Amino acid sequence: MSEIFIIFVGGYILLSLILVPFQYRYVEQMAMRRIENEKKGKSQGEMMEDMEFEEQVLHANVQGNMLLILANMLATIVYKVKHRGKVAR
């Protein structure tokens, strides 16, 4: 039983590591969008309202998908470390 669990966890970690570059691009684009909207004086809520329906669905899917949680966290950490002095948040 423990071998199956280790294989499952190892597979999940491997999948997450493979998905980190894709999630990193997503995190980077969302950060750029946030900065552009802050320059325009828009809040995050207004940014979400201005998105097309398809973009809102994709955003919700990326943020809420259980398979992508570890990859999303790792990509966010990598982004914040890489842009430590450049981004306010």
C-alpha atoms as a PDB file:
ATOM      1  CA  MET A   1       0.000   0.000   0.000  1.00  0.00           C
ATOM      2  CA  SER A   2       2.775   2.425   0.862  1.00  0.00           C
ATOM      3  CA  GLU A   3       4.524   1.677  -2.447  1.00  0.00           C
ATOM      4  CA  ILE A   4       1.423   2.719  -4.371  1.00  0.00           C
ATOM      5  CA  PHE A   5       1.200   5.909  -2.339  1.00  0.00           C
ATOM      6  CA  ILE A   6       4.863   6.723  -2.978  1.00  0.00           C
ATOM      7  CA  ILE A   7       4.401   6.111  -6.719  1.00  0.00           C
ATOM      8  CA  PHE A   8       1.297   8.322  -6.749  1.00  0.00           C
ATOM      9  CA  VAL A   9       3.005  11.164  -4.863  1.00  0.00           C
ATOM     10  CA  GLY A  10       6.157  10.835  -6.984  1.00  0.00           C
ATOM     11  CA  GLY A  11       4.078  10.976 -10.179  1.00  0.00           C
ATOM     12  CA  TYR A  12       2.238  14.051  -8.929  1.00  0.00           C
ATOM     13  CA  ILE A  13       5.495  15.808  -8.087  1.00  0.00           C
ATOM     14  CA  LEU A  14       6.972  14.872 -11.485  1.00  0.00           C
ATOM     15  CA  LEU A  15       3.855  16.157 -13.273  1.00  0.00           C
ATOM     16  CA  SER A  16       4.005  19.378 -11.263  1.00  0.00           C
ATOM     17  CA  LEU A  17       7.659  19.921 -12.163  1.00  0.00           C
ATOM     18  CA  ILE A  18       6.850  19.400 -15.840  1.00  0.00           C
ATOM     19  CA  LEU A  19       4.001  21.935 -15.630  1.00  0.00           C
ATOM     20  CA  VAL A  20       5.989  24.658 -13.809  1.00  0.00           C
ATOM     21  CA  PRO A  21       7.240  26.395 -17.017  1.00  0.00           C
ATOM     22  CA  PHE A  22       3.678  26.641 -18.338  1.00  0.00           C
ATOM     23  CA  GLN A  23       2.341  27.930 -15.044  1.00  0.00           C
ATOM     24  CA  TYR A  24       5.262  30.372 -14.828  1.00  0.00           C
ATOM     25  CA  ARG A  25       4.227  31.942 -18.138  1.00  0.00           C
ATOM     26  CA  TYR A  26       0.675  32.229 -16.840  1.00  0.00           C
ATOM     27  CA  VAL A  27       1.794  33.864 -13.576  1.00  0.00           C
ATOM     28  CA  GLU A  28       4.049  36.236 -15.515  1.00  0.00           C
ATOM     29  CA  GLN A  29       1.243  37.295 -17.868  1.00  0.00           C
ATOM     30  CA  MET A  30      -1.184  37.855 -14.978  1.00  0.00           C
ATOM     31  CA  ALA A  31       1.418  39.988 -13.180  1.00  0.00           C
ATOM     32  CA  MET A  32       1.973  42.062 -16.329  1.00  0.00           C
ATOM     33  CA  ARG A  33      -1.793  42.476 -16.705  1.00  0.00           C
ATOM     34  CA  ARG A  34      -2.062  43.549 -13.059  1.00  0.00           C
ATOM     35  CA  ILE A  35       0.671  46.171 -13.517  1.00  0.00           C
ATOM     36  CA  GLU A  36      -0.956  47.526 -16.699  1.00  0.00           C
ATOM     37  CA  ASN A  37      -4.320  47.786 -14.969  1.00  0.00           C
ATOM     38  CA  GLU A  38      -2.812  49.475 -11.917  1.00  0.00           C
ATOM     39  CA  LYS A  39      -1.385  52.125 -14.257  1.00  0.00           C
ATOM     40  CA  LYS A  40      -4.898  52.622 -15.645  1.00  0.00           C
ATOM     41  CA  GLY A  41      -6.319  52.836 -12.128  1.00  0.00           C
ATOM     42  CA  LYS A  42      -8.311  49.592 -12.362  1.00  0.00           C
ATOM     43  CA  SER A  43      -8.720  47.202  -9.471  1.00  0.00           C
ATOM     44  CA  GLN A  44      -8.336  43.443  -9.756  1.00  0.00           C
ATOM     45  CA  GLY A  45     -12.118  43.054  -9.685  1.00  0.00           C
ATOM     46  CA  GLU A  46     -12.503  45.444 -12.602  1.00  0.00           C
ATOM     47  CA  MET A  47      -9.803  43.542 -14.463  1.00  0.00           C
ATOM     48  CA  MET A  48     -11.748  40.302 -13.986  1.00  0.00           C
ATOM     49  CA  GLU A  49     -14.987  41.949 -15.138  1.00  0.00           C
ATOM     50  CA  ASP A  50     -13.266  43.240 -18.285  1.00  0.00           C
ATOM     51  CA  MET A  51     -12.073  39.732 -19.228  1.00  0.00           C
ATOM     52  CA  GLU A  52     -14.046  37.874 -21.836  1.00  0.00           C
ATOM     53  CA  PHE A  53     -16.092  34.908 -20.623  1.00  0.00           C
ATOM     54  CA  GLU A  54     -13.659  32.393 -22.090  1.00  0.00           C
ATOM     55  CA  GLU A  55     -10.729  34.040 -20.299  1.00  0.00           C
ATOM     56  CA  GLN A  56     -12.642  34.006 -17.013  1.00  0.00           C
ATOM     57  CA  VAL A  57     -13.368  30.287 -17.380  1.00  0.00           C
ATOM     58  CA  LEU A  58      -9.724  29.514 -18.219  1.00  0.00           C
ATOM     59  CA  HIS A  59      -8.526  31.628 -15.288  1.00  0.00           C
ATOM     60  CA  ALA A  60     -10.879  29.861 -12.864  1.00  0.00           C
ATOM     61  CA  ASN A  61      -9.804  26.487 -14.231  1.00  0.00           C
ATOM     62  CA  VAL A  62      -6.098  27.260 -13.874  1.00  0.00           C
ATOM     63  CA  GLN A  63      -6.505  28.626 -10.359  1.00  0.00           C
ATOM     64  CA  GLY A  64      -8.856  25.947  -9.069  1.00  0.00           C
ATOM     65  CA  ASN A  65      -7.590  22.771 -10.697  1.00  0.00           C
ATOM     66  CA  MET A  66      -6.290  20.391  -8.030  1.00  0.00           C
ATOM     67  CA  LEU A  67      -3.651  18.970 -10.390  1.00  0.00           C
ATOM     68  CA  LEU A  68      -2.113  22.401 -10.898  1.00  0.00           C
ATOM     69  CA  ILE A  69      -1.907  23.545  -7.268  1.00  0.00           C
ATOM     70  CA  LEU A  70       1.708  22.474  -6.649  1.00  0.00           C
ATOM     71  CA  ALA A  71       2.858  23.644 -10.095  1.00  0.00           C
ATOM     72  CA  ASN A  72       1.107  26.992  -9.577  1.00  0.00           C
ATOM     73  CA  MET A  73       2.686  27.449  -6.145  1.00  0.00           C
ATOM     74  CA  LEU A  74       6.150  26.580  -7.456  1.00  0.00           C
ATOM     75  CA  ALA A  75       5.759  28.891 -10.457  1.00  0.00           C
ATOM     76  CA  THR A  76       4.621  31.735  -8.202  1.00  0.00           C
ATOM     77  CA  ILE A  77       7.605  31.213  -5.905  1.00  0.00           C
ATOM     78  CA  VAL A  78      10.007  31.157  -8.869  1.00  0.00           C
ATOM     79  CA  TYR A  79       8.415  34.334 -10.265  1.00  0.00           C
ATOM     80  CA  LYS A  80       8.641  36.161  -6.938  1.00  0.00           C
ATOM     81  CA  VAL A  81      12.275  35.128  -6.419  1.00  0.00           C
ATOM     82  CA  LYS A  82      13.210  36.141  -9.979  1.00  0.00           C
ATOM     83  CA  HIS A  83      11.452  39.505  -9.737  1.00  0.00           C
ATOM     84  CA  ARG A  84      12.190  40.204  -6.085  1.00  0.00           C
ATOM     85  CA  GLY A  85      13.271  43.832  -6.465  1.00  0.00           C
ATOM     86  CA  LYS A  86      11.169  44.652  -9.523  1.00  0.00           C
ATOM     87  CA  VAL A  87       7.620  43.934  -8.345  1.00  0.00           C
ATOM     88  CA  ALA A  88       5.969  45.539  -5.355  1.00  0.00           C
ATOM     89  CA  ARG A  89       4.002  42.369  -4.417  1.00  0.00           C
END
